[in-house]
Amino acid sequence: MRVRADMPPGHVRTPGYLRGKIGWVERTLGPFPNPEQLAYGLNAQALPLMRVRFSMAEVWGDASETPTDTIDAEIYSHWLEPAEAPHAP
């Protein structure tokens, strides 16, 4: 999956350094209220929360000291889009 590269204004819970990066869904954690809506006191819809794993090479490119290490992030499904994802090691 690819994290959307959008940079919307306001309260956003998706790390900027992961936007546009490709990872794979390690697991689905379940539906949770959208924190981007909760931050503004809105009636938050429940969205699937995913644990997405990225290689350090994907996140940091040539600056990665350990390119085969990974980082996990919990990202709501509305921030993910299909992509040619790397396969889990």
Protein backbone atom coordinates (compact mmCIF):
# COMPACT_ATOMS: atom_id res chain seq x y z
CA MET A 1 0.00 0.00 0.00
CA ARG A 2 1.09 3.56 -0.60
CA VAL A 3 0.43 6.28 1.95
CA ARG A 4 -1.31 9.17 0.24
CA ALA A 5 1.06 12.06 -0.40
CA ASP A 6 -1.56 14.70 0.46
CA MET A 7 -0.63 17.58 2.76
CA PRO A 8 -4.03 18.85 3.95
CA PRO A 9 -4.29 21.62 6.53
CA GLY A 10 -5.53 20.88 10.00
CA HIS A 11 -5.26 17.99 12.40
CA VAL A 12 -3.74 15.05 10.53
CA ARG A 13 -2.58 11.85 12.24
CA THR A 14 -0.43 10.46 9.42
CA PRO A 15 3.33 11.11 9.71
CA GLY A 16 4.61 13.43 7.01
CA TYR A 17 7.77 11.38 6.51
CA LEU A 18 5.65 8.36 5.45
CA ARG A 19 3.46 10.17 2.92
CA GLY A 20 4.05 8.83 -0.57
CA LYS A 21 5.95 5.80 0.78
CA ILE A 22 5.10 2.18 0.01
CA GLY A 23 4.76 -0.47 2.67
CA TRP A 24 2.76 -3.60 3.36
CA VAL A 25 -0.09 -4.15 5.78
CA GLU A 26 1.32 -6.17 8.63
CA ARG A 27 -2.15 -6.50 10.19
CA THR A 28 -5.53 -4.84 10.55
CA LEU A 29 -6.15 -3.60 14.08
CA GLY A 30 -9.89 -3.03 13.79
CA PRO A 31 -12.24 -0.10 13.34
CA PHE A 32 -11.64 3.03 15.42
CA PRO A 33 -13.15 6.53 15.30
CA ASN A 34 -11.35 8.81 12.87
CA PRO A 35 -9.14 11.09 15.04
CA GLU A 36 -9.07 13.74 12.32
CA GLN A 37 -12.82 14.20 12.83
CA LEU A 38 -12.69 13.81 16.63
CA ALA A 39 -10.16 16.66 16.85
CA TYR A 40 -12.84 19.05 15.61
CA GLY A 41 -15.66 17.65 17.72
CA LEU A 42 -17.31 15.97 14.75
CA ASN A 43 -19.22 12.71 14.81
CA ALA A 44 -16.30 10.47 13.83
CA GLN A 45 -16.91 7.53 11.56
CA ALA A 46 -15.15 4.27 12.44
CA LEU A 47 -12.38 3.43 9.99
CA PRO A 48 -10.07 0.41 9.79
CA LEU A 49 -6.73 1.09 11.44
CA MET A 50 -3.83 -0.73 9.81
CA ARG A 51 -0.34 -1.49 11.03
CA VAL A 52 1.82 -0.81 7.98
CA ARG A 53 5.45 -1.90 7.77
CA PHE A 54 8.03 0.04 5.75
CA SER A 55 11.65 -0.78 5.01
CA MET A 56 14.10 1.86 6.15
CA ALA A 57 15.37 1.96 2.54
CA GLU A 58 11.86 2.99 1.42
CA VAL A 59 11.54 5.66 4.10
CA TRP A 60 15.04 7.15 4.10
CA GLY A 61 16.52 6.05 0.74
CA ASP A 62 20.30 6.28 0.46
CA ALA A 63 20.49 7.97 3.87
CA SER A 64 19.37 4.75 5.57
CA GLU A 65 22.10 3.27 7.76
CA THR A 66 20.32 -0.10 7.92
CA PRO A 67 18.19 -0.39 4.78
CA THR A 68 16.73 -3.81 5.62
CA ASP A 69 15.43 -2.76 9.04
CA THR A 70 11.77 -1.86 9.22
CA ILE A 71 9.50 0.66 10.88
CA ASP A 72 5.82 0.08 11.68
CA ALA A 73 3.18 2.79 11.75
CA GLU A 74 -0.52 2.66 12.52
CA ILE A 75 -2.33 4.36 9.66
CA TYR A 76 -6.05 4.72 9.02
CA SER A 77 -7.33 3.10 5.83
CA HIS A 78 -8.44 6.38 4.23
CA TRP A 79 -4.76 7.36 4.03
CA LEU A 80 -3.80 4.22 2.07
CA GLU A 81 -4.05 3.54 -1.65
CA PRO A 82 -3.12 0.52 -3.76
CA ALA A 83 0.47 0.33 -4.97
CA GLU A 84 3.01 -2.20 -6.07
CA ALA A 85 4.01 -2.93 -2.51
CA PRO A 86 7.22 -4.63 -1.49
CA HIS A 87 6.77 -8.12 -0.12
CA ALA A 88 7.28 -8.81 3.55
CA PRO A 89 10.70 -10.34 4.22
